[in-house]
């Protein structure tokens, strides 16, 4: 929630119990009725409660009634604490929609509860992921949380992207870096020669950073000298949408992803044979998947296209 600019504050703490001024030591016993919680203060004129709920559901396993991944006990279970009848209605509707989406194999057990007094946690708990990032990231990955989120919420992003449903702006801001958001959602342009893939010579495919739909292949990548990744054709033509762009007082052809509707870059007619085209793409709009990882990441059907591709040859 810290990554969402419309969120004024996100404070770690405790909610749901009755004893005054609980401590972490007390709550961690699981006998206080308190849950580890986050108090979110936001501007309702800039972001909706529903959008915050969209972010919330994507952070944990709402079918787990006994804790949260590696952490077991009632203090680690999930809940939505509402502050008025409208928040209650929206939270219940959001939970119902998620339950009926078919995304989970088990029932959603996250309760919708009236808010109680919120007690901020001790100072060392605030922004722990920043203060102790290495430990936090190891623990988060080791707990199975990242793998679960990728499995559940990454399903629609695999293979074709045709089942992808674009999330709310709040979710996109939470998921993307500032540069990725600026490029894909605001038609921005990254700096040449100072981006991730302009000189990438590894064999693999490039997918939309937002939707995961496959777009380009290293087999079609060439050295253009422009400082941006360049391709003489898309790998999956139907996943690339071209539109006229008159934004810079000159007519260009904008390139966007079909399912994610992400701004990717532009197409020019100064490329090599056999097409004579140059798809000039921002690295910030892409995620690269090496050929050896295609099967594991759900893109195995493209492995045959890269069977003979060699490292270091794609831009030479």
Protein backbone atom coordinates (compact mmCIF):
# COMPACT_ATOMS: atom_id res chain seq x y z
CA UNK A 1 0.00 0.00 0.00
CA UNK A 2 2.98 2.33 0.51
CA UNK A 3 3.55 2.24 -3.25
CA UNK A 4 0.14 3.77 -3.97
CA UNK A 5 0.58 7.54 -4.07
CA UNK A 6 -3.05 8.18 -3.09
CA UNK A 7 -2.49 6.31 0.18
CA UNK A 8 -1.45 8.83 2.82
CA UNK A 9 -0.16 6.28 5.31
CA UNK A 10 0.01 2.54 5.93
CA UNK A 11 0.79 1.70 9.56
CA UNK A 12 1.56 -1.77 10.90
CA UNK A 13 -0.23 -2.67 14.11
CA UNK A 14 -2.87 -4.73 15.87
CA UNK A 15 -6.69 -4.83 15.61
CA UNK A 16 -9.58 -7.03 16.66
CA UNK A 17 -8.86 -7.44 20.37
CA UNK A 18 -10.06 -5.73 23.54
CA UNK A 19 -7.03 -5.34 25.83
CA UNK A 20 -5.45 -1.89 25.77
CA UNK A 21 -2.03 -1.20 24.30
CA UNK A 22 -1.09 -4.72 23.23
CA UNK A 23 2.56 -5.48 22.53
CA UNK A 24 4.03 -7.70 19.84
CA UNK A 25 5.13 -10.15 22.50
CA UNK A 26 1.54 -10.46 23.75
CA UNK A 27 -0.08 -10.65 20.31
CA UNK A 28 2.42 -13.23 19.06
CA UNK A 29 1.16 -15.74 21.64
CA UNK A 30 -2.12 -15.99 19.73
CA UNK A 31 -4.15 -15.63 22.92
CA UNK A 32 -5.15 -11.94 22.79
CA UNK A 33 -7.74 -12.02 19.94
CA UNK A 34 -5.66 -9.38 18.17
CA UNK A 35 -4.65 -9.77 14.53
CA UNK A 36 -1.60 -8.25 12.93
CA UNK A 37 -3.16 -5.53 10.81
CA UNK A 38 -2.49 -2.45 8.69
CA UNK A 39 -4.28 0.85 9.18
CA UNK A 40 -4.64 2.65 5.85
CA UNK A 41 -5.39 6.35 5.52
CA UNK A 42 -6.33 7.44 2.00
CA UNK A 43 -7.91 10.26 0.01
CA UNK A 44 -11.33 9.02 -1.22
CA UNK A 45 -11.38 11.72 -3.90
CA UNK A 46 -8.29 10.19 -5.50
CA UNK A 47 -8.69 6.48 -4.84
CA UNK A 48 -11.72 4.39 -3.96
CA UNK A 49 -12.19 1.91 -1.16
CA UNK A 50 -12.94 -0.70 -3.83
CA UNK A 51 -9.54 -0.10 -5.41
CA UNK A 52 -7.86 -0.64 -2.05
CA UNK A 53 -9.77 -3.90 -1.70
CA UNK A 54 -8.47 -4.97 -5.12
CA UNK A 55 -4.92 -4.52 -3.82
CA UNK A 56 -5.72 -6.26 -0.53
CA UNK A 57 -7.01 -9.53 -2.01
CA UNK A 58 -3.83 -10.00 -4.07
CA UNK A 59 -1.46 -10.07 -1.08
CA UNK A 60 -2.31 -13.33 0.72
CA UNK A 61 -4.32 -16.59 0.68
CA UNK A 62 -7.94 -15.75 1.63
CA UNK A 63 -8.79 -19.47 1.88
CA UNK A 64 -6.42 -20.04 4.83
CA UNK A 65 -8.28 -20.00 8.16
CA UNK A 66 -5.26 -20.97 10.25
CA UNK A 67 -2.72 -18.27 9.54
CA UNK A 68 -0.78 -16.89 6.61
CA UNK A 69 1.67 -19.15 4.76
CA UNK A 70 4.54 -20.06 7.11
CA UNK A 71 3.08 -18.05 10.00
CA UNK A 72 0.45 -20.07 11.85
CA UNK A 73 -1.99 -18.90 14.50
CA UNK A 74 -5.07 -16.71 14.80
CA UNK A 75 -2.93 -13.58 15.05
CA UNK A 76 -1.85 -14.16 11.43
CA UNK A 77 -5.31 -14.79 9.96
CA UNK A 78 -6.87 -12.31 7.54
CA UNK A 79 -9.79 -9.91 7.96
CA UNK A 80 -11.26 -6.72 6.57
CA UNK A 81 -12.15 -4.21 9.32
CA UNK A 82 -14.82 -1.79 8.07
CA UNK A 83 -15.50 1.66 9.54
CA UNK A 84 -19.04 2.29 8.26
CA UNK A 85 -21.95 0.57 6.55
CA UNK A 86 -20.77 1.56 3.07
CA UNK A 87 -17.34 0.02 3.62
CA UNK A 88 -19.06 -3.11 4.93
CA UNK A 89 -21.25 -3.32 1.82
CA UNK A 90 -18.32 -2.83 -0.54
CA UNK A 91 -16.13 -5.32 1.31
CA UNK A 92 -18.83 -8.00 1.28
CA UNK A 93 -19.52 -7.39 -2.42
CA UNK A 94 -15.82 -7.56 -3.22
CA UNK A 95 -15.43 -10.83 -1.32
CA UNK A 96 -18.50 -12.28 -3.05
CA UNK A 97 -17.17 -11.34 -6.49
CA UNK A 98 -13.81 -12.91 -5.71
CA UNK A 99 -15.49 -16.06 -4.41
CA UNK A 100 -17.55 -16.38 -7.59
CA UNK A 101 -14.59 -15.72 -9.89
CA UNK A 102 -13.43 -19.34 -9.76
CA UNK A 103 -9.87 -18.24 -9.04
CA UNK A 104 -9.64 -20.30 -5.84
CA UNK A 105 -10.32 -24.01 -5.39
CA UNK A 106 -11.37 -23.61 -1.75
CA UNK A 107 -13.90 -21.28 -0.06
CA UNK A 108 -12.79 -17.79 0.89
CA UNK A 109 -12.78 -17.52 4.69
CA UNK A 110 -11.63 -13.93 5.24
CA UNK A 111 -14.21 -12.33 7.57
CA UNK A 112 -15.63 -8.82 7.22
CA UNK A 113 -15.55 -7.35 10.73
CA UNK A 114 -16.41 -4.02 12.39
CA UNK A 115 -13.33 -1.96 13.16
CA UNK A 116 -12.02 -1.93 16.71
CA UNK A 117 -9.41 0.29 18.29
CA UNK A 118 -6.22 0.09 16.25
CA UNK A 119 -2.91 0.08 18.08
CA UNK A 120 0.25 0.87 16.10
CA UNK A 121 2.99 -1.73 16.44
CA UNK A 122 6.38 -0.97 17.91
CA UNK A 123 8.67 1.32 15.90
CA UNK A 124 10.94 -1.48 14.69
CA UNK A 125 7.96 -3.09 12.92
CA UNK A 126 7.23 0.00 10.83
CA UNK A 127 8.69 -0.21 7.30
CA UNK A 128 10.45 -3.42 8.27
CA UNK A 129 10.69 -4.40 4.60
CA UNK A 130 12.87 -1.32 4.04
CA UNK A 131 14.93 -1.46 7.24
CA UNK A 132 15.70 -5.18 6.90
CA UNK A 133 15.07 -5.79 3.21
CA UNK A 134 17.38 -8.79 2.79
CA UNK A 135 15.83 -10.72 5.68
CA UNK A 136 12.33 -9.68 4.68
CA UNK A 137 12.74 -10.81 1.08
CA UNK A 138 14.25 -14.15 2.08
CA UNK A 139 11.44 -14.79 4.54
CA UNK A 140 8.73 -13.69 2.14
CA UNK A 141 10.01 -15.92 -0.66
CA UNK A 142 10.71 -18.84 1.65
CA UNK A 143 7.24 -18.68 3.17
CA UNK A 144 5.65 -19.51 -0.18
CA UNK A 145 3.84 -16.21 -0.45
CA UNK A 146 5.41 -15.04 -3.71
CA UNK A 147 4.92 -18.43 -5.37
CA UNK A 148 1.27 -18.50 -4.30
CA UNK A 149 0.55 -14.99 -5.58
CA UNK A 150 2.22 -15.79 -8.90
CA UNK A 151 0.29 -19.04 -9.19
CA UNK A 152 -3.11 -17.51 -8.45
CA UNK A 153 -2.84 -14.07 -9.96
CA UNK A 154 -0.38 -14.97 -12.70
CA UNK A 155 -2.65 -17.56 -14.30
CA UNK A 156 -4.29 -15.08 -16.61
CA UNK A 157 -0.94 -13.77 -17.74
CA UNK A 158 0.36 -17.01 -19.19
CA UNK A 159 0.63 -18.35 -22.73
CA UNK A 160 -1.61 -15.92 -24.64
CA UNK A 161 -2.89 -13.31 -22.23
CA UNK A 162 -6.37 -13.68 -23.71
CA UNK A 163 -7.97 -14.24 -20.30
CA UNK A 164 -6.24 -11.24 -18.78
CA UNK A 165 -8.40 -8.71 -16.94
CA UNK A 166 -6.69 -5.37 -16.43
CA UNK A 167 -6.60 -4.49 -12.71
CA UNK A 168 -7.40 -1.13 -11.18
CA UNK A 169 -4.97 1.76 -11.34
CA UNK A 170 -4.24 1.23 -7.65
CA UNK A 171 -3.13 -2.33 -8.29
CA UNK A 172 -0.96 -1.25 -11.23
CA UNK A 173 0.77 1.38 -9.12
CA UNK A 174 1.41 -1.23 -6.45
CA UNK A 175 2.77 -3.74 -8.94
CA UNK A 176 4.89 -1.53 -11.20
CA UNK A 177 7.93 0.63 -10.58
CA UNK A 178 7.53 4.36 -11.21
CA UNK A 179 9.26 4.04 -14.59
CA UNK A 180 7.21 1.00 -15.63
CA UNK A 181 4.00 2.82 -14.74
CA UNK A 182 5.05 6.00 -16.56
CA UNK A 183 5.93 4.09 -19.72
CA UNK A 184 3.05 1.62 -19.90
CA UNK A 185 0.20 3.74 -18.51
CA UNK A 186 1.24 7.30 -19.40
CA UNK A 187 2.97 6.69 -22.76
CA UNK A 188 6.35 7.70 -21.36
CA UNK A 189 9.76 6.95 -22.86
CA UNK A 190 12.81 5.66 -21.01
CA UNK A 191 16.35 6.88 -21.66
CA UNK A 192 18.28 5.22 -24.50
CA UNK A 193 21.30 3.04 -23.66
CA UNK A 194 20.30 3.19 -19.97
CA UNK A 195 17.59 0.58 -19.90
CA UNK A 196 17.51 -3.11 -19.12
CA UNK A 197 17.29 -4.86 -22.48
CA UNK A 198 18.76 -2.59 -25.16
CA UNK A 199 21.86 -4.78 -25.42
CA UNK A 200 20.46 -8.06 -24.09
CA UNK A 201 21.85 -10.89 -26.23
CA UNK A 202 20.30 -13.82 -24.39
CA UNK A 203 17.86 -16.19 -26.10
CA UNK A 204 14.29 -15.98 -24.84
CA UNK A 205 11.01 -14.15 -25.19
CA UNK A 206 9.75 -10.75 -24.10
CA UNK A 207 6.31 -10.44 -22.49
CA UNK A 208 4.21 -7.49 -21.39
CA UNK A 209 5.32 -6.41 -17.89
CA UNK A 210 1.66 -5.82 -16.97
CA UNK A 211 -0.33 -8.68 -18.53
CA UNK A 212 2.37 -11.25 -19.28
CA UNK A 213 1.16 -11.72 -22.84
CA UNK A 214 4.00 -12.81 -25.17
CA UNK A 215 5.10 -10.10 -27.58
CA UNK A 216 8.61 -10.43 -29.01
CA UNK A 217 11.37 -13.02 -29.39
CA UNK A 218 15.14 -12.78 -29.28
CA UNK A 219 15.16 -14.42 -32.73
CA UNK A 220 13.69 -11.21 -34.18
CA UNK A 221 15.87 -8.79 -32.18
CA UNK A 222 18.56 -6.78 -33.93
CA UNK A 223 21.16 -4.14 -33.16
CA UNK A 224 19.60 -0.85 -34.24
CA UNK A 225 22.05 1.55 -32.59
CA UNK A 226 19.18 3.53 -31.08
CA UNK A 227 19.70 2.45 -27.47
CA UNK A 228 16.33 0.71 -27.19
CA UNK A 229 15.40 -2.95 -27.78
CA UNK A 230 14.54 -3.31 -31.47
CA UNK A 231 12.73 -6.12 -33.29
CA UNK A 232 11.98 -6.57 -36.97
CA UNK A 233 8.67 -8.26 -36.21
CA UNK A 234 6.53 -9.32 -33.23
CA UNK A 235 6.55 -12.95 -32.14
CA UNK A 236 2.77 -12.99 -31.64
CA UNK A 237 1.35 -10.55 -34.17
CA UNK A 238 -2.18 -10.55 -32.74
CA UNK A 239 -0.90 -9.42 -29.33
CA UNK A 240 0.46 -6.17 -30.78
CA UNK A 241 -1.85 -3.27 -31.61
CA UNK A 242 -0.70 -0.37 -33.79
CA UNK A 243 -2.23 3.11 -33.59
CA UNK A 244 -1.51 6.47 -35.19
CA UNK A 245 0.33 8.83 -32.82
CA UNK A 246 0.44 12.58 -33.50
CA UNK A 247 1.62 13.61 -30.03
CA UNK A 248 4.99 15.04 -31.11
CA UNK A 249 3.77 17.08 -34.08
CA UNK A 250 4.80 14.28 -36.40
CA UNK A 251 2.91 11.17 -37.35
CA UNK A 252 4.24 7.99 -35.81
CA UNK A 253 2.85 4.50 -35.25
CA UNK A 254 2.38 3.68 -31.59
CA UNK A 255 2.71 0.04 -30.47
CA UNK A 256 0.53 -1.25 -27.61
CA UNK A 257 -0.21 -4.67 -26.16
CA UNK A 258 -3.65 -6.03 -27.01
CA UNK A 259 -4.74 -7.49 -23.68
CA UNK A 260 -2.82 -5.33 -21.20
CA UNK A 261 -3.28 -2.14 -23.28
CA UNK A 262 0.25 -1.17 -22.29
CA UNK A 263 2.17 1.42 -24.25
CA UNK A 264 5.21 -0.44 -25.60
CA UNK A 265 6.91 1.96 -28.00
CA UNK A 266 6.71 2.80 -31.71
CA UNK A 267 7.11 1.14 -35.09
CA UNK A 268 9.29 2.64 -37.81
CA UNK A 269 9.95 1.67 -41.43
CA UNK A 270 13.75 1.70 -41.29
CA UNK A 271 14.42 -1.85 -40.12
CA UNK A 272 16.27 -4.76 -41.73
CA UNK A 273 14.96 -7.40 -44.09
CA UNK A 274 12.77 -9.36 -44.37
CA UNK A 275 10.19 -6.85 -43.07
CA UNK A 276 11.98 -3.52 -43.28
CA UNK A 277 10.37 -2.63 -39.95
CA UNK A 278 11.78 -1.57 -36.59
CA UNK A 279 9.70 -2.07 -33.49
CA UNK A 280 11.41 0.29 -31.03
CA UNK A 281 10.28 -0.89 -27.60
CA UNK A 282 10.82 0.41 -24.06
CA UNK A 283 12.54 -2.09 -21.77
CA UNK A 284 10.30 -0.87 -18.93
CA UNK A 285 7.27 -2.31 -20.71
CA UNK A 286 8.81 -5.77 -20.98
CA UNK A 287 9.76 -8.78 -18.89
CA UNK A 288 12.38 -11.11 -20.35
CA UNK A 289 12.06 -14.87 -19.93
CA UNK A 290 15.21 -16.88 -20.84
CA UNK A 291 14.59 -19.92 -23.03
CA UNK A 292 15.61 -22.29 -20.23
CA UNK A 293 12.82 -20.88 -18.02
CA UNK A 294 9.97 -20.99 -20.53
CA UNK A 295 8.48 -24.26 -19.32
CA UNK A 296 8.66 -23.34 -15.65
CA UNK A 297 7.02 -19.97 -16.25
CA UNK A 298 4.14 -21.32 -18.33
CA UNK A 299 5.43 -20.41 -21.80
CA UNK A 300 6.66 -23.87 -22.78
CA UNK A 301 4.85 -23.85 -26.10
CA UNK A 302 7.34 -21.26 -27.39
CA UNK A 303 10.41 -23.37 -26.61
CA UNK A 304 10.50 -24.85 -30.11
CA UNK A 305 10.83 -21.36 -31.60
CA UNK A 306 14.08 -20.91 -29.69
CA UNK A 307 15.47 -24.43 -29.98
CA UNK A 308 18.35 -23.39 -32.22
CA UNK A 309 18.87 -19.91 -30.77
CA UNK A 310 22.34 -19.25 -29.37
CA UNK A 311 23.40 -16.86 -26.64
CA UNK A 312 25.13 -13.73 -27.90
CA UNK A 313 23.86 -13.97 -31.46
CA UNK A 314 20.57 -12.15 -31.32
CA UNK A 315 21.93 -8.63 -31.84
CA UNK A 316 25.20 -9.35 -33.61
